[in-house]
Amino acid sequence: MTFAEFQASRKWYDNLEAVNPDAFGSKAGYAYLRNELYIDDVASWNDPIRLAHGRWYLCIANCDWQSDDLEELEQRLYQWAVREGYEI
């Protein structure tokens, strides 16, 4: 799977936790690869201070990034999924 195909697997959910139990506490955002991976939409957190640091939030293995650049975070998530052997 190419990065473009990975991006094309993206689906919007108003409640990520409902489609992926690992997304505990997550609200809205995008899920990828049959809902196995996700990026949170910080706007759904109703926290203007946190939102000031960027709209999108990604946490992988106790490292986190927050940015307005969704594609940058998708690239990180894609590269990690490839390294971890996800079926992509």
PDB file of N, CA and C in Angstrom:
ATOM      1  N   MET A   1       0.848  -1.181   0.000  1.00  0.00           N
ATOM      2  CA  MET A   1       0.000   0.000   0.000  1.00  0.00           C
ATOM      3  C   MET A   1       0.891   1.240   0.000  1.00  0.00           C
ATOM      4  N   THR A   2       0.583   2.142  -0.870  1.00  0.00           N
ATOM      5  CA  THR A   2       1.313   3.406  -0.918  1.00  0.00           C
ATOM      6  C   THR A   2       0.761   4.364   0.141  1.00  0.00           C
ATOM      7  N   PHE A   3       1.482   5.450   0.348  1.00  0.00           N
ATOM      8  CA  PHE A   3       0.997   6.463   1.278  1.00  0.00           C
ATOM      9  C   PHE A   3      -0.347   7.024   0.812  1.00  0.00           C
ATOM     10  N   ALA A   4      -0.485   7.241  -0.486  1.00  0.00           N
ATOM     11  CA  ALA A   4      -1.752   7.759  -1.023  1.00  0.00           C
ATOM     12  C   ALA A   4      -2.902   6.784  -0.758  1.00  0.00           C
ATOM     13  N   GLU A   5      -2.649   5.497  -0.892  1.00  0.00           N
ATOM     14  CA  GLU A   5      -3.683   4.499  -0.608  1.00  0.00           C
ATOM     15  C   GLU A   5      -4.010   4.468   0.885  1.00  0.00           C
ATOM     16  N   PHE A   6      -2.975   4.642   1.712  1.00  0.00           N
ATOM     17  CA  PHE A   6      -3.195   4.735   3.158  1.00  0.00           C
ATOM     18  C   PHE A   6      -4.120   5.908   3.466  1.00  0.00           C
ATOM     19  N   GLN A   7      -3.832   7.063   2.868  1.00  0.00           N
ATOM     20  CA  GLN A   7      -4.688   8.232   3.076  1.00  0.00           C
ATOM     21  C   GLN A   7      -6.114   7.962   2.603  1.00  0.00           C
ATOM     22  N   ALA A   8      -6.239   7.232   1.520  1.00  0.00           N
ATOM     23  CA  ALA A   8      -7.568   6.939   0.972  1.00  0.00           C
ATOM     24  C   ALA A   8      -8.368   6.015   1.892  1.00  0.00           C
ATOM     25  N   SER A   9      -7.701   5.306   2.790  1.00  0.00           N
ATOM     26  CA  SER A   9      -8.415   4.435   3.737  1.00  0.00           C
ATOM     27  C   SER A   9      -9.041   5.234   4.882  1.00  0.00           C
ATOM     28  N   ARG A  10      -8.762   6.519   4.934  1.00  0.00           N
ATOM     29  CA  ARG A  10      -9.219   7.400   6.017  1.00  0.00           C
ATOM     30  C   ARG A  10     -10.744   7.529   6.030  1.00  0.00           C
ATOM     31  N   LYS A  11     -11.314   7.348   7.229  1.00  0.00           N
ATOM     32  CA  LYS A  11     -12.762   7.531   7.418  1.00  0.00           C
ATOM     33  C   LYS A  11     -12.984   8.402   8.653  1.00  0.00           C
ATOM     34  N   TRP A  12     -13.937   9.304   8.541  1.00  0.00           N
ATOM     35  CA  TRP A  12     -14.278  10.203   9.642  1.00  0.00           C
ATOM     36  C   TRP A  12     -15.265   9.531  10.590  1.00  0.00           C
ATOM     37  N   TYR A  13     -15.027   9.702  11.890  1.00  0.00           N
ATOM     38  CA  TYR A  13     -15.961   9.214  12.910  1.00  0.00           C
ATOM     39  C   TYR A  13     -16.162  10.303  13.960  1.00  0.00           C
ATOM     40  N   ASP A  14     -17.391  10.477  14.387  1.00  0.00           N
ATOM     41  CA  ASP A  14     -17.683  11.410  15.469  1.00  0.00           C
ATOM     42  C   ASP A  14     -17.283  10.833  16.821  1.00  0.00           C
ATOM     43  N   ASN A  15     -17.106   9.514  16.880  1.00  0.00           N
ATOM     44  CA  ASN A  15     -16.717   8.844  18.117  1.00  0.00           C
ATOM     45  C   ASN A  15     -15.745   7.712  17.772  1.00  0.00           C
ATOM     46  N   LEU A  16     -14.452   8.005  17.815  1.00  0.00           N
ATOM     47  CA  LEU A  16     -13.446   6.993  17.484  1.00  0.00           C
ATOM     48  C   LEU A  16     -13.486   5.803  18.434  1.00  0.00           C
ATOM     49  N   GLU A  17     -13.778   6.072  19.692  1.00  0.00           N
ATOM     50  CA  GLU A  17     -13.811   5.004  20.689  1.00  0.00           C
ATOM     51  C   GLU A  17     -14.862   3.941  20.342  1.00  0.00           C
ATOM     52  N   ALA A  18     -15.910   4.340  19.650  1.00  0.00           N
ATOM     53  CA  ALA A  18     -16.964   3.399  19.275  1.00  0.00           C
ATOM     54  C   ALA A  18     -16.500   2.405  18.212  1.00  0.00           C
ATOM     55  N   VAL A  19     -15.510   2.772  17.405  1.00  0.00           N
ATOM     56  CA  VAL A  19     -15.036   1.882  16.341  1.00  0.00           C
ATOM     57  C   VAL A  19     -13.687   1.242  16.655  1.00  0.00           C
ATOM     58  N   ASN A  20     -13.013   1.747  17.689  1.00  0.00           N
ATOM     59  CA  ASN A  20     -11.719   1.190  18.075  1.00  0.00           C
ATOM     60  C   ASN A  20     -11.568   1.318  19.591  1.00  0.00           C
ATOM     61  N   PRO A  21     -11.669   0.225  20.328  1.00  0.00           N
ATOM     62  CA  PRO A  21     -11.591   0.302  21.790  1.00  0.00           C
ATOM     63  C   PRO A  21     -10.254   0.842  22.296  1.00  0.00           C
ATOM     64  N   ASP A  22      -9.203   0.772  21.479  1.00  0.00           N
ATOM     65  CA  ASP A  22      -7.911   1.334  21.877  1.00  0.00           C
ATOM     66  C   ASP A  22      -7.943   2.862  21.889  1.00  0.00           C
ATOM     67  N   ALA A  23      -8.953   3.445  21.272  1.00  0.00           N
ATOM     68  CA  ALA A  23      -9.089   4.903  21.210  1.00  0.00           C
ATOM     69  C   ALA A  23      -9.813   5.417  22.448  1.00  0.00           C
ATOM     70  N   PHE A  24      -9.530   4.829  23.587  1.00  0.00           N
ATOM     71  CA  PHE A  24     -10.196   5.176  24.839  1.00  0.00           C
ATOM     72  C   PHE A  24     -10.120   6.676  25.099  1.00  0.00           C
ATOM     73  N   GLY A  25     -11.260   7.307  25.273  1.00  0.00           N
ATOM     74  CA  GLY A  25     -11.330   8.732  25.547  1.00  0.00           C
ATOM     75  C   GLY A  25     -11.309   9.600  24.306  1.00  0.00           C
ATOM     76  N   SER A  26     -11.100   8.996  23.147  1.00  0.00           N
ATOM     77  CA  SER A  26     -11.079   9.781  21.913  1.00  0.00           C
ATOM     78  C   SER A  26     -12.489  10.175  21.525  1.00  0.00           C
ATOM     79  N   LYS A  27     -12.589  11.313  20.925  1.00  0.00           N
ATOM     80  CA  LYS A  27     -13.868  11.776  20.422  1.00  0.00           C
ATOM     81  C   LYS A  27     -13.829  11.649  18.902  1.00  0.00           C
ATOM     82  N   ALA A  28     -13.967  12.715  18.190  1.00  0.00           N
ATOM     83  CA  ALA A  28     -14.000  12.680  16.730  1.00  0.00           C
ATOM     84  C   ALA A  28     -12.589  12.600  16.148  1.00  0.00           C
ATOM     85  N   GLY A  29     -12.536  12.105  14.909  1.00  0.00           N
ATOM     86  CA  GLY A  29     -11.260  12.050  14.212  1.00  0.00           C
ATOM     87  C   GLY A  29     -11.318  11.085  13.053  1.00  0.00           C
ATOM     88  N   TYR A  30     -10.142  10.837  12.478  1.00  0.00           N
ATOM     89  CA  TYR A  30     -10.024   9.938  11.334  1.00  0.00           C
ATOM     90  C   TYR A  30      -9.446   8.601  11.765  1.00  0.00           C
ATOM     91  N   ALA A  31     -10.005   7.528  11.217  1.00  0.00           N
ATOM     92  CA  ALA A  31      -9.476   6.187  11.415  1.00  0.00           C
ATOM     93  C   ALA A  31      -8.938   5.688  10.077  1.00  0.00           C
ATOM     94  N   TYR A  32      -7.934   4.837  10.146  1.00  0.00           N
ATOM     95  CA  TYR A  32      -7.238   4.308   8.970  1.00  0.00           C
ATOM     96  C   TYR A  32      -7.134   2.799   9.091  1.00  0.00           C
ATOM     97  N   LEU A  33      -6.938   2.136   7.967  1.00  0.00           N
ATOM     98  CA  LEU A  33      -6.692   0.694   7.931  1.00  0.00           C
ATOM     99  C   LEU A  33      -7.731  -0.089   8.724  1.00  0.00           C
ATOM    100  N   ARG A  34      -8.929  -0.107   8.220  1.00  0.00           N
ATOM    101  CA  ARG A  34     -10.007  -0.869   8.870  1.00  0.00           C
ATOM    102  C   ARG A  34     -10.198  -0.443  10.326  1.00  0.00           C
ATOM    103  N   ASN A  35     -10.007   0.852  10.582  1.00  0.00           N
ATOM    104  CA  ASN A  35     -10.216   1.467  11.904  1.00  0.00           C
ATOM    105  C   ASN A  35      -9.190   1.033  12.947  1.00  0.00           C
ATOM    106  N   GLU A  36      -8.055   0.478  12.515  1.00  0.00           N
ATOM    107  CA  GLU A  36      -7.032   0.030  13.448  1.00  0.00           C
ATOM    108  C   GLU A  36      -6.196   1.181  14.001  1.00  0.00           C
ATOM    109  N   LEU A  37      -6.026   2.226  13.226  1.00  0.00           N
ATOM    110  CA  LEU A  37      -5.196   3.376  13.604  1.00  0.00           C
ATOM    111  C   LEU A  37      -6.028   4.637  13.484  1.00  0.00           C
ATOM    112  N   TYR A  38      -5.643   5.680  14.207  1.00  0.00           N
ATOM    113  CA  TYR A  38      -6.478   6.883  14.184  1.00  0.00           C
ATOM    114  C   TYR A  38      -5.668   8.135  14.542  1.00  0.00           C
ATOM    115  N   ILE A  39      -6.242   9.275  14.152  1.00  0.00           N
ATOM    116  CA  ILE A  39      -5.740  10.605  14.499  1.00  0.00           C
ATOM    117  C   ILE A  39      -6.931  11.390  15.044  1.00  0.00           C
ATOM    118  N   ASP A  40      -6.760  11.933  16.234  1.00  0.00           N
ATOM    119  CA  ASP A  40      -7.834  12.675  16.894  1.00  0.00           C
ATOM    120  C   ASP A  40      -7.995  14.083  16.324  1.00  0.00           C
ATOM    121  N   ASP A  41      -9.241  14.547  16.326  1.00  0.00           N
ATOM    122  CA  ASP A  41      -9.568  15.932  15.995  1.00  0.00           C
ATOM    123  C   ASP A  41      -9.666  16.709  17.307  1.00  0.00           C
ATOM    124  N   VAL A  42      -8.680  17.517  17.594  1.00  0.00           N
ATOM    125  CA  VAL A  42      -8.619  18.256  18.859  1.00  0.00           C
ATOM    126  C   VAL A  42      -9.809  19.198  18.994  1.00  0.00           C
ATOM    127  N   ALA A  43     -10.366  19.660  17.882  1.00  0.00           N
ATOM    128  CA  ALA A  43     -11.520  20.559  17.942  1.00  0.00           C
ATOM    129  C   ALA A  43     -12.688  19.902  18.684  1.00  0.00           C
ATOM    130  N   SER A  44     -12.775  18.586  18.649  1.00  0.00           N
ATOM    131  CA  SER A  44     -13.876  17.889  19.320  1.00  0.00           C
ATOM    132  C   SER A  44     -13.669  17.816  20.835  1.00  0.00           C
ATOM    133  N   TRP A  45     -12.518  18.186  21.317  1.00  0.00           N
ATOM    134  CA  TRP A  45     -12.221  18.108  22.751  1.00  0.00           C
ATOM    135  C   TRP A  45     -12.805  19.278  23.531  1.00  0.00           C
ATOM    136  N   ASN A  46     -13.238  20.318  22.813  1.00  0.00           N
ATOM    137  CA  ASN A  46     -13.799  21.514  23.450  1.00  0.00           C
ATOM    138  C   ASN A  46     -12.806  22.132  24.440  1.00  0.00           C
ATOM    139  N   ASP A  47     -11.556  22.241  24.006  1.00  0.00           N
ATOM    140  CA  ASP A  47     -10.481  22.794  24.829  1.00  0.00           C
ATOM    141  C   ASP A  47      -9.707  23.816  23.990  1.00  0.00           C
ATOM    142  N   PRO A  48     -10.112  25.099  24.040  1.00  0.00           N
ATOM    143  CA  PRO A  48      -9.492  26.107  23.174  1.00  0.00           C
ATOM    144  C   PRO A  48      -7.994  26.276  23.421  1.00  0.00           C
ATOM    145  N   ILE A  49      -7.532  26.046  24.622  1.00  0.00           N
ATOM    146  CA  ILE A  49      -6.100  26.176  24.901  1.00  0.00           C
ATOM    147  C   ILE A  49      -5.335  25.086  24.165  1.00  0.00           C
ATOM    148  N   ARG A  50      -5.821  23.859  24.243  1.00  0.00           N
ATOM    149  CA  ARG A  50      -5.161  22.754  23.546  1.00  0.00           C
ATOM    150  C   ARG A  50      -5.262  22.932  22.034  1.00  0.00           C
ATOM    151  N   LEU A  51      -6.401  23.395  21.549  1.00  0.00           N
ATOM    152  CA  LEU A  51      -6.605  23.595  20.117  1.00  0.00           C
ATOM    153  C   LEU A  51      -5.628  24.617  19.543  1.00  0.00           C
ATOM    154  N   ALA A  52      -5.184  25.549  20.355  1.00  0.00           N
ATOM    155  CA  ALA A  52      -4.228  26.559  19.895  1.00  0.00           C
ATOM    156  C   ALA A  52      -2.909  25.938  19.431  1.00  0.00           C
ATOM    157  N   HIS A  53      -2.646  24.692  19.817  1.00  0.00           N
ATOM    158  CA  HIS A  53      -1.402  24.020  19.440  1.00  0.00           C
ATOM    159  C   HIS A  53      -1.558  23.183  18.176  1.00  0.00           C
ATOM    160  N   GLY A  54      -2.734  23.166  17.594  1.00  0.00           N
ATOM    161  CA  GLY A  54      -2.971  22.426  16.358  1.00  0.00           C
ATOM    162  C   GLY A  54      -4.247  21.611  16.441  1.00  0.00           C
ATOM    163  N   ARG A  55      -4.846  21.396  15.283  1.00  0.00           N
ATOM    164  CA  ARG A  55      -6.146  20.710  15.248  1.00  0.00           C
ATOM    165  C   ARG A  55      -6.043  19.200  15.390  1.00  0.00           C
ATOM    166  N   TRP A  56      -4.954  18.608  14.944  1.00  0.00           N
ATOM    167  CA  TRP A  56      -4.844  17.153  14.878  1.00  0.00           C
ATOM    168  C   TRP A  56      -3.851  16.631  15.910  1.00  0.00           C
ATOM    169  N   TYR A  57      -4.171  15.468  16.490  1.00  0.00           N
ATOM    170  CA  TYR A  57      -3.348  14.885  17.550  1.00  0.00           C
ATOM    171  C   TYR A  57      -3.089  13.415  17.252  1.00  0.00           C
ATOM    172  N   LEU A  58      -1.825  13.033  17.352  1.00  0.00           N
ATOM    173  CA  LEU A  58      -1.406  11.655  17.121  1.00  0.00           C
ATOM    174  C   LEU A  58      -0.515  11.207  18.264  1.00  0.00           C
ATOM    175  N   CYS A  59      -0.791  10.042  18.800  1.00  0.00           N
ATOM    176  CA  CYS A  59       0.032   9.460  19.862  1.00  0.00           C
ATOM    177  C   CYS A  59       0.435   8.055  19.424  1.00  0.00           C
ATOM    178  N   ILE A  60       1.740   7.810  19.393  1.00  0.00           N
ATOM    179  CA  ILE A  60       2.282   6.495  19.048  1.00  0.00           C
ATOM    180  C   ILE A  60       3.330   6.137  20.090  1.00  0.00           C
ATOM    181  N   ALA A  61       3.115   5.030  20.776  1.00  0.00           N
ATOM    182  CA  ALA A  61       4.108   4.490  21.714  1.00  0.00           C
ATOM    183  C   ALA A  61       4.646   5.556  22.672  1.00  0.00           C
ATOM    184  N   ASN A  62       3.762   6.252  23.332  1.00  0.00           N
ATOM    185  CA  ASN A  62       4.103   7.278  24.323  1.00  0.00           C
ATOM    186  C   ASN A  62       4.804   8.502  23.755  1.00  0.00           C
ATOM    187  N   CYS A  63       4.781   8.670  22.450  1.00  0.00           N
ATOM    188  CA  CYS A  63       5.252   9.903  21.801  1.00  0.00           C
ATOM    189  C   CYS A  63       4.024  10.537  21.172  1.00  0.00           C
ATOM    190  N   ASP A  64       3.909  11.854  21.292  1.00  0.00           N
ATOM    191  CA  ASP A  64       2.745  12.487  20.692  1.00  0.00           C
ATOM    192  C   ASP A  64       3.131  13.734  19.931  1.00  0.00           C
ATOM    193  N   TRP A  65       2.280  14.044  18.945  1.00  0.00           N
ATOM    194  CA  TRP A  65       2.448  15.208  18.094  1.00  0.00           C
ATOM    195  C   TRP A  65       1.090  15.864  17.924  1.00  0.00           C
ATOM    196  N   GLN A  66       1.109  17.172  17.863  1.00  0.00           N
ATOM    197  CA  GLN A  66      -0.115  17.925  17.611  1.00  0.00           C
ATOM    198  C   GLN A  66       0.215  18.962  16.562  1.00  0.00           C
ATOM    199  N   SER A  67      -0.628  19.067  15.539  1.00  0.00           N
ATOM    200  CA  SER A  67      -0.313  19.924  14.404  1.00  0.00           C
ATOM    201  C   SER A  67      -1.582  20.281  13.638  1.00  0.00           C
ATOM    202  N   ASP A  68      -1.497  21.356  12.878  1.00  0.00           N
ATOM    203  CA  ASP A  68      -2.554  21.672  11.926  1.00  0.00           C
ATOM    204  C   ASP A  68      -2.309  20.966  10.596  1.00  0.00           C
ATOM    205  N   ASP A  69      -1.153  20.340  10.443  1.00  0.00           N
ATOM    206  CA  ASP A  69      -0.769  19.654   9.210  1.00  0.00           C
ATOM    207  C   ASP A  69      -1.137  18.172   9.309  1.00  0.00           C
ATOM    208  N   LEU A  70      -2.348  17.844   8.882  1.00  0.00           N
ATOM    209  CA  LEU A  70      -2.833  16.471   8.958  1.00  0.00           C
ATOM    210  C   LEU A  70      -1.947  15.530   8.146  1.00  0.00           C
ATOM    211  N   GLU A  71      -1.513  15.960   6.981  1.00  0.00           N
ATOM    212  CA  GLU A  71      -0.695  15.093   6.129  1.00  0.00           C
ATOM    213  C   GLU A  71       0.623  14.708   6.807  1.00  0.00           C
ATOM    214  N   GLU A  72       1.225  15.628   7.538  1.00  0.00           N
ATOM    215  CA  GLU A  72       2.458  15.328   8.262  1.00  0.00           C
ATOM    216  C   GLU A  72       2.209  14.214   9.292  1.00  0.00           C
ATOM    217  N   LEU A  73       1.115  14.313  10.021  1.00  0.00           N
ATOM    218  CA  LEU A  73       0.801  13.292  11.016  1.00  0.00           C
ATOM    219  C   LEU A  73       0.439  11.962  10.351  1.00  0.00           C
ATOM    220  N   GLU A  74      -0.251  12.033   9.222  1.00  0.00           N
ATOM    221  CA  GLU A  74      -0.563  10.809   8.483  1.00  0.00           C
ATOM    222  C   GLU A  74       0.718  10.126   8.008  1.00  0.00           C
ATOM    223  N   GLN A  75       1.689  10.904   7.589  1.00  0.00           N
ATOM    224  CA  GLN A  75       2.967  10.341   7.142  1.00  0.00           C
ATOM    225  C   GLN A  75       3.664   9.615   8.302  1.00  0.00           C
ATOM    226  N   ARG A  76       3.654  10.220   9.477  1.00  0.00           N
ATOM    227  CA  ARG A  76       4.238   9.570  10.664  1.00  0.00           C
ATOM    228  C   ARG A  76       3.518   8.256  10.972  1.00  0.00           C
ATOM    229  N   LEU A  77       2.189   8.306  10.929  1.00  0.00           N
ATOM    230  CA  LEU A  77       1.391   7.126  11.229  1.00  0.00           C
ATOM    231  C   LEU A  77       1.634   6.028  10.196  1.00  0.00           C
ATOM    232  N   TYR A  78       1.693   6.387   8.945  1.00  0.00           N
ATOM    233  CA  TYR A  78       1.947   5.438   7.860  1.00  0.00           C
ATOM    234  C   TYR A  78       3.319   4.784   8.024  1.00  0.00           C
ATOM    235  N   GLN A  79       4.344   5.580   8.250  1.00  0.00           N
ATOM    236  CA  GLN A  79       5.693   5.032   8.405  1.00  0.00           C
ATOM    237  C   GLN A  79       5.771   4.091   9.608  1.00  0.00           C
ATOM    238  N   TRP A  80       5.129   4.459  10.688  1.00  0.00           N
ATOM    239  CA  TRP A  80       5.116   3.607  11.873  1.00  0.00           C
ATOM    240  C   TRP A  80       4.395   2.290  11.572  1.00  0.00           C
ATOM    241  N   ALA A  81       3.242   2.362  10.886  1.00  0.00           N
ATOM    242  CA  ALA A  81       2.486   1.160  10.562  1.00  0.00           C
ATOM    243  C   ALA A  81       3.303   0.214   9.690  1.00  0.00           C
ATOM    244  N   VAL A  82       4.049   0.756   8.749  1.00  0.00           N
ATOM    245  CA  VAL A  82       4.915  -0.078   7.894  1.00  0.00           C
ATOM    246  C   VAL A  82       5.975  -0.753   8.751  1.00  0.00           C
ATOM    247  N   ARG A  83       6.646   0.000   9.612  1.00  0.00           N
ATOM    248  CA  ARG A  83       7.704  -0.564  10.477  1.00  0.00           C
ATOM    249  C   ARG A  83       7.152  -1.632  11.416  1.00  0.00           C
ATOM    250  N   GLU A  84       5.934  -1.427  11.901  1.00  0.00           N
ATOM    251  CA  GLU A  84       5.347  -2.357  12.865  1.00  0.00           C
ATOM    252  C   GLU A  84       4.702  -3.579  12.201  1.00  0.00           C
ATOM    253  N   GLY A  85       4.690  -3.612  10.885  1.00  0.00           N
ATOM    254  CA  GLY A  85       4.180  -4.774  10.178  1.00  0.00           C
ATOM    255  C   GLY A  85       2.673  -4.837  10.022  1.00  0.00           C
ATOM    256  N   TYR A  86       2.015  -3.698  10.081  1.00  0.00           N
ATOM    257  CA  TYR A  86       0.573  -3.690   9.845  1.00  0.00           C
ATOM    258  C   TYR A  86       0.307  -4.153   8.420  1.00  0.00           C
ATOM    259  N   GLU A  87      -0.776  -4.835   8.250  1.00  0.00           N
ATOM    260  CA  GLU A  87      -1.154  -5.336   6.932  1.00  0.00           C
ATOM    261  C   GLU A  87      -1.655  -4.165   6.095  1.00  0.00           C
ATOM    262  N   ILE A  88      -0.748  -3.608   5.350  1.00  0.00           N
ATOM    263  CA  ILE A  88      -1.118  -2.445   4.532  1.00  0.00           C
ATOM    264  C   ILE A  88      -0.842  -2.665   3.065  1.00  0.00           C
TER     265      ILE A  88
END
